[in-house]
N, C-alpha and C. Protein backbone atom coordinates (compact mmCIF):
# COMPACT_ATOMS: atom_id res chain seq x y z
N UNK A 1 53.80 44.76 -103.23
CA UNK A 1 52.45 44.84 -103.89
C UNK A 1 51.76 43.79 -104.44
N UNK A 2 52.78 43.15 -105.34
CA UNK A 2 52.37 42.09 -105.71
C UNK A 2 52.24 40.78 -104.83
N UNK A 3 52.93 40.61 -103.65
CA UNK A 3 52.63 39.56 -102.90
C UNK A 3 51.17 39.96 -102.30
N UNK A 4 50.63 41.13 -102.16
CA UNK A 4 49.63 41.55 -101.14
C UNK A 4 48.51 40.87 -102.27
N UNK A 5 48.61 41.31 -103.64
CA UNK A 5 47.66 40.76 -104.64
C UNK A 5 47.54 39.33 -104.62
N UNK A 6 48.65 38.79 -104.82
CA UNK A 6 48.80 37.29 -104.85
C UNK A 6 48.11 36.64 -103.81
N UNK A 7 48.03 37.06 -102.65
CA UNK A 7 47.48 36.26 -101.32
C UNK A 7 46.18 36.95 -101.04
N UNK A 8 45.91 38.31 -101.64
CA UNK A 8 44.59 38.90 -101.37
C UNK A 8 44.65 39.66 -99.95
N UNK A 9 45.88 40.09 -99.55
CA UNK A 9 46.12 40.76 -98.32
C UNK A 9 45.88 42.12 -98.21
N UNK A 10 45.74 42.92 -97.06
CA UNK A 10 45.50 44.26 -96.86
C UNK A 10 44.34 44.84 -97.55
N UNK A 11 43.15 43.91 -97.54
CA UNK A 11 41.97 44.23 -98.16
C UNK A 11 41.98 44.21 -99.67
N UNK A 12 43.06 43.85 -100.17
CA UNK A 12 42.98 43.57 -101.74
C UNK A 12 42.43 42.36 -102.15
N UNK A 13 41.49 42.39 -103.15
CA UNK A 13 40.91 41.20 -103.58
C UNK A 13 42.36 40.54 -104.30
N UNK A 14 42.18 38.93 -103.91
CA UNK A 14 42.99 38.11 -104.73
C UNK A 14 43.13 38.11 -106.00
N UNK A 15 44.47 38.55 -106.85
CA UNK A 15 44.50 38.72 -108.06
C UNK A 15 45.79 38.12 -108.56
N UNK A 16 46.20 36.98 -108.75
CA UNK A 16 47.38 36.39 -109.19
C UNK A 16 47.90 37.04 -110.50
N UNK A 17 46.83 37.40 -111.41
CA UNK A 17 47.23 37.89 -112.65
C UNK A 17 47.88 39.47 -112.40
N UNK A 18 47.23 39.89 -111.64
CA UNK A 18 47.64 41.33 -111.44
C UNK A 18 49.18 41.31 -110.71
N UNK A 19 49.10 40.33 -109.76
CA UNK A 19 50.38 40.22 -109.01
C UNK A 19 51.58 39.64 -109.89
N UNK A 20 51.30 39.09 -111.08
CA UNK A 20 52.31 38.76 -112.09
C UNK A 20 52.61 40.07 -113.00
N UNK A 21 51.72 40.52 -113.12
CA UNK A 21 52.05 42.02 -113.94
C UNK A 21 53.09 43.01 -113.06
N UNK A 22 52.44 42.98 -111.79
CA UNK A 22 53.45 43.86 -110.83
C UNK A 22 54.66 43.49 -110.75
N UNK A 23 54.79 41.85 -110.63
CA UNK A 23 56.24 41.37 -110.47
C UNK A 23 57.20 41.62 -111.78
N UNK A 24 56.28 41.61 -112.80
CA UNK A 24 57.12 41.86 -114.21
C UNK A 24 57.59 43.11 -114.29
N UNK A 25 56.99 44.26 -113.86
CA UNK A 25 57.33 45.74 -114.02
C UNK A 25 58.25 45.74 -112.86
N UNK A 26 58.26 45.17 -111.71
CA UNK A 26 59.33 45.23 -110.72
C UNK A 26 60.51 44.83 -111.46
N UNK A 27 60.43 43.52 -111.68
CA UNK A 27 61.74 42.89 -112.19
C UNK A 27 62.55 43.70 -113.43
N UNK A 28 61.78 44.24 -114.16
CA UNK A 28 62.12 45.19 -115.22
C UNK A 28 63.06 46.42 -114.62
N UNK A 29 62.46 46.71 -113.37
CA UNK A 29 63.19 47.83 -112.50
C UNK A 29 64.33 47.25 -111.66
N UNK A 30 64.61 45.90 -111.61
CA UNK A 30 65.76 45.24 -110.95
C UNK A 30 65.48 44.62 -109.70
N UNK A 31 64.09 44.37 -109.37
CA UNK A 31 63.88 43.60 -108.15
C UNK A 31 64.23 42.15 -108.44
N UNK A 32 65.12 41.57 -107.42
CA UNK A 32 65.75 40.20 -107.30
C UNK A 32 64.11 39.36 -107.00
N UNK A 33 63.56 40.08 -105.88
CA UNK A 33 62.40 39.23 -105.15
C UNK A 33 61.18 39.19 -106.29
N UNK A 34 61.15 40.07 -107.15
CA UNK A 34 60.13 39.87 -108.30
C UNK A 34 60.82 38.77 -109.24
N UNK A 35 61.97 38.76 -109.49
CA UNK A 35 62.31 37.54 -110.39
C UNK A 35 61.95 36.28 -109.83
N UNK A 36 62.26 36.05 -108.68
CA UNK A 36 61.89 34.89 -107.96
C UNK A 36 60.51 34.70 -108.06
N UNK A 37 59.57 35.43 -107.56
CA UNK A 37 58.17 35.13 -107.74
C UNK A 37 57.71 35.00 -109.09
N UNK A 38 58.17 35.48 -110.00
CA UNK A 38 57.74 35.34 -111.49
C UNK A 38 58.23 33.86 -111.80
N UNK A 39 59.56 33.43 -111.39
CA UNK A 39 59.75 31.77 -111.42
C UNK A 39 58.93 31.19 -110.79
N UNK A 40 58.47 31.43 -109.69
CA UNK A 40 57.44 30.38 -109.21
C UNK A 40 56.09 30.42 -109.46
N UNK A 41 55.76 31.62 -110.11
CA UNK A 41 54.31 31.58 -110.89
C UNK A 41 54.25 31.02 -112.10
N UNK A 42 55.52 31.07 -112.92
CA UNK A 42 55.47 30.12 -114.23
C UNK A 42 55.70 28.98 -113.97
N UNK A 43 56.37 28.56 -112.80
CA UNK A 43 56.54 26.94 -112.73
C UNK A 43 55.41 26.23 -112.12
N UNK A 44 54.54 26.80 -111.48
CA UNK A 44 53.37 26.33 -111.00
C UNK A 44 52.06 26.92 -111.56
N UNK A 45 52.17 27.72 -112.71
CA UNK A 45 51.02 28.17 -113.47
C UNK A 45 50.17 28.98 -112.66
N UNK A 46 50.48 30.04 -111.62
CA UNK A 46 49.54 30.67 -110.83
C UNK A 46 49.69 32.08 -111.44
N UNK A 47 48.43 32.70 -112.03
CA UNK A 47 48.40 33.64 -112.21
C UNK A 47 49.03 33.98 -113.69
N UNK A 48 49.44 32.88 -114.32
CA UNK A 48 50.03 32.98 -115.49
C UNK A 48 49.93 31.46 -116.14
N UNK A 49 50.21 31.28 -117.38
CA UNK A 49 50.13 30.08 -118.03
C UNK A 49 51.71 29.21 -117.54
N UNK A 50 51.63 28.08 -117.30
CA UNK A 50 52.60 27.16 -116.80
C UNK A 50 53.63 27.14 -117.78
N UNK A 51 54.96 27.42 -117.60
CA UNK A 51 55.81 27.52 -118.63
C UNK A 51 57.13 27.28 -117.71
N UNK A 52 57.64 26.04 -117.64
CA UNK A 52 58.85 25.70 -116.97
C UNK A 52 60.03 26.10 -117.49
N UNK A 53 60.27 26.35 -118.87
CA UNK A 53 61.53 26.99 -119.51
C UNK A 53 61.54 28.34 -118.98
N UNK A 54 60.49 29.04 -118.95
CA UNK A 54 60.61 30.49 -118.82
C UNK A 54 60.82 30.76 -117.14
N UNK A 55 60.18 29.50 -116.19
CA UNK A 55 60.26 29.70 -114.94
C UNK A 55 61.95 29.48 -114.69
N UNK A 56 62.54 28.60 -115.26
CA UNK A 56 63.91 28.50 -115.09
C UNK A 56 64.83 29.60 -115.42
N UNK A 57 64.36 30.30 -116.51
CA UNK A 57 65.08 31.49 -116.65
C UNK A 57 65.20 32.43 -115.72
N UNK A 58 64.02 32.78 -115.26
CA UNK A 58 63.65 33.49 -113.94
C UNK A 58 64.45 33.07 -112.56
N UNK A 59 64.52 31.90 -112.52
CA UNK A 59 65.42 31.26 -111.45
C UNK A 59 66.73 31.58 -111.75
N UNK A 60 67.08 31.47 -112.91
CA UNK A 60 68.61 31.78 -113.23
C UNK A 60 68.87 33.12 -113.00
N UNK A 61 68.39 34.01 -113.20
CA UNK A 61 68.30 35.55 -113.19
C UNK A 61 68.29 35.87 -111.78
N UNK A 62 67.64 35.54 -110.98
CA UNK A 62 67.49 35.41 -109.53
C UNK A 62 68.74 35.07 -108.86
N UNK A 63 69.10 33.77 -109.15
CA UNK A 63 70.18 33.01 -108.57
C UNK A 63 71.71 34.02 -109.04
N UNK A 64 71.62 34.24 -110.34
CA UNK A 64 72.95 34.94 -110.59
C UNK A 64 73.14 36.15 -109.73
N UNK A 65 71.91 36.59 -109.23
CA UNK A 65 71.80 38.16 -108.43
C UNK A 65 72.03 37.49 -107.11
N UNK A 66 72.10 36.48 -106.66
CA UNK A 66 72.45 36.37 -105.14
C UNK A 66 71.13 35.83 -104.50
N UNK A 67 69.91 35.33 -105.10
CA UNK A 67 68.77 35.07 -104.39
C UNK A 67 68.89 33.61 -104.06
N UNK A 68 69.29 33.26 -102.91
CA UNK A 68 69.59 31.75 -102.44
C UNK A 68 68.82 30.80 -102.66
N UNK A 69 67.46 31.28 -102.44
CA UNK A 69 66.27 30.17 -102.64
C UNK A 69 66.22 29.90 -104.10
N UNK A 70 66.23 30.94 -105.08
CA UNK A 70 66.50 30.38 -106.38
C UNK A 70 67.66 29.48 -106.69
N UNK A 71 68.57 29.68 -106.06
CA UNK A 71 69.79 29.04 -106.52
C UNK A 71 69.36 27.34 -105.93
N UNK A 72 68.87 27.35 -104.61
CA UNK A 72 68.51 26.07 -104.13
C UNK A 72 67.40 25.15 -105.20
N UNK A 73 66.46 26.01 -105.63
CA UNK A 73 65.64 25.51 -106.34
C UNK A 73 65.88 24.98 -107.52
N UNK A 74 66.87 25.72 -108.14
CA UNK A 74 67.45 25.16 -109.40
C UNK A 74 68.38 23.93 -109.17
N UNK A 75 68.79 23.40 -108.02
CA UNK A 75 69.34 22.49 -107.49
C UNK A 75 68.37 21.07 -107.61
N UNK A 76 67.22 21.51 -107.09
CA UNK A 76 66.05 20.53 -107.07
C UNK A 76 65.59 20.22 -108.60
N UNK A 77 65.63 21.18 -109.33
CA UNK A 77 65.21 20.99 -110.68
C UNK A 77 66.31 20.25 -111.58
N UNK A 78 67.28 20.30 -111.10
CA UNK A 78 68.47 19.62 -111.81
C UNK A 78 68.80 18.08 -111.28
N UNK A 79 68.13 17.87 -109.95
CA UNK A 79 68.43 16.74 -109.39
C UNK A 79 67.98 15.54 -110.20
N UNK A 80 66.95 15.36 -110.64
CA UNK A 80 66.40 14.07 -111.41
C UNK A 80 67.30 14.01 -112.73
N UNK A 81 67.76 15.06 -113.37
CA UNK A 81 68.55 14.78 -114.65
C UNK A 81 70.03 15.01 -114.73
N UNK A 82 70.66 15.89 -113.87
CA UNK A 82 71.95 15.96 -114.03
C UNK A 82 72.49 16.28 -112.49
N UNK A 83 72.94 15.30 -111.79
CA UNK A 83 73.51 15.09 -110.47
C UNK A 83 74.47 16.36 -110.43
N UNK A 84 75.37 16.32 -111.07
CA UNK A 84 76.54 17.22 -111.13
C UNK A 84 76.17 18.70 -111.02
N UNK A 85 75.38 19.24 -111.79
CA UNK A 85 74.73 20.60 -111.91
C UNK A 85 73.79 20.74 -110.46
N UNK A 86 73.05 19.82 -110.20
CA UNK A 86 72.30 19.93 -108.93
C UNK A 86 73.50 20.23 -107.72
N UNK A 87 74.29 19.35 -107.49
CA UNK A 87 75.41 19.60 -106.43
C UNK A 87 75.75 20.80 -106.56
N UNK A 88 76.26 21.23 -107.77
CA UNK A 88 76.85 22.70 -107.97
C UNK A 88 75.91 23.89 -107.32
N UNK A 89 74.68 23.79 -107.96
CA UNK A 89 73.66 24.61 -107.32
C UNK A 89 73.50 24.33 -105.77
N UNK A 90 73.44 23.39 -105.33
CA UNK A 90 73.10 23.27 -103.83
C UNK A 90 74.72 23.77 -103.20
N UNK A 91 75.68 23.50 -103.73
CA UNK A 91 77.01 24.03 -102.96
C UNK A 91 77.12 25.74 -102.85
N UNK A 92 76.78 26.14 -104.03
CA UNK A 92 76.52 27.48 -103.97
C UNK A 92 75.78 28.33 -102.86
N UNK A 93 74.46 27.56 -103.04
CA UNK A 93 73.38 27.93 -101.97
C UNK A 93 73.97 27.58 -100.39
N UNK A 94 74.67 26.47 -100.16
CA UNK A 94 75.06 26.15 -98.89
C UNK A 94 76.00 26.97 -98.70
N UNK A 95 77.08 27.40 -99.56
CA UNK A 95 77.99 28.42 -98.94
C UNK A 95 77.48 29.70 -98.69
N UNK A 96 76.18 29.97 -99.10
CA UNK A 96 75.62 31.15 -98.83
C UNK A 96 74.84 30.99 -97.41
N UNK A 97 74.89 29.82 -96.83
CA UNK A 97 74.31 29.56 -95.69
C UNK A 97 72.94 28.97 -95.71
N UNK A 98 72.63 28.58 -96.67
CA UNK A 98 71.32 27.90 -96.84
C UNK A 98 71.17 26.34 -96.40
N UNK A 99 70.66 26.21 -95.23
CA UNK A 99 70.63 24.79 -94.66
C UNK A 99 70.11 23.68 -95.28
N UNK A 100 69.03 24.17 -96.04
CA UNK A 100 68.13 23.04 -96.85
C UNK A 100 69.19 22.49 -97.86
N UNK A 101 69.93 23.11 -98.44
CA UNK A 101 70.87 22.79 -99.37
C UNK A 101 72.07 22.04 -98.99
N UNK A 102 72.41 22.52 -97.62
CA UNK A 102 73.46 21.39 -96.84
C UNK A 102 72.80 19.87 -96.76
N UNK A 103 71.66 19.97 -96.37
CA UNK A 103 70.94 18.50 -96.29
C UNK A 103 70.63 17.99 -97.62
N UNK A 104 70.35 18.53 -98.78
CA UNK A 104 70.18 18.13 -100.12
C UNK A 104 71.62 17.42 -100.61
N UNK A 105 72.58 18.17 -100.17
CA UNK A 105 73.94 17.37 -100.65
C UNK A 105 74.00 16.14 -99.88
N UNK A 106 73.98 16.31 -98.34
CA UNK A 106 73.93 15.12 -97.61
C UNK A 106 73.28 13.72 -98.16
N UNK A 107 72.09 14.18 -98.69
CA UNK A 107 71.20 13.02 -99.24
C UNK A 107 71.60 12.65 -100.68
N UNK A 108 72.05 13.51 -101.28
CA UNK A 108 72.77 12.98 -102.74
C UNK A 108 74.10 12.17 -102.29
N UNK A 109 74.76 12.63 -101.25
CA UNK A 109 76.05 11.85 -101.02
C UNK A 109 75.81 10.37 -100.48
N UNK A 110 74.60 10.38 -99.58
CA UNK A 110 74.29 9.27 -99.15
C UNK A 110 73.68 8.36 -100.13
N UNK A 111 73.15 8.85 -101.09
CA UNK A 111 72.66 7.97 -102.26
C UNK A 111 73.62 7.74 -103.30
N UNK A 112 74.79 8.35 -103.14
CA UNK A 112 75.87 8.11 -104.16
C UNK A 112 75.68 9.02 -105.23
N UNK A 113 74.91 10.04 -105.38
CA UNK A 113 74.72 10.89 -106.40
C UNK A 113 75.48 12.00 -106.37
N UNK A 114 76.44 12.03 -105.15
CA UNK A 114 77.54 13.32 -105.01
C UNK A 114 78.57 12.42 -104.63
N UNK A 115 79.74 12.89 -104.84
CA UNK A 115 81.09 12.44 -104.49
C UNK A 115 81.85 13.68 -103.56
N UNK A 116 83.04 12.87 -102.94
CA UNK A 116 83.79 14.07 -102.28
C UNK A 116 84.71 14.99 -102.93
N UNK A 117 84.76 14.55 -104.38
CA UNK A 117 85.45 15.53 -105.30
C UNK A 117 84.84 16.56 -105.70
N UNK A 118 83.42 16.59 -105.63
CA UNK A 118 82.64 17.55 -105.92
C UNK A 118 82.67 18.77 -105.06
N UNK A 119 83.14 18.50 -103.90
CA UNK A 119 83.06 19.52 -102.96
C UNK A 119 84.27 20.34 -102.95
N UNK A 120 85.22 19.90 -103.53
CA UNK A 120 86.48 20.64 -103.58
C UNK A 120 86.72 21.77 -104.27
């Protein structure tokens, strides 16, 4: 339902704040999808005030519960500052079958930002 409000689908008026409220409630009930959508909302400031730190907390919670795109996004967020952590996140997502993470690791390796030792 949060997605429907966020995008204004099924005849519902677009209401990003309502979507964030619904995702917050759903996350408290255990929805991993809701955690991911909250991470995105806080990261981009859609439906709520932008809060990168809070966004990362939601990405981490979703990633710890197996949400592969959250894990991949954590890799991107780490890429600029901590290549080692970025590779670790990408490797986990790649091992879960996420092809974009495989490509990210390749790019890091080609740029000298990842080493063969990190693959072991």
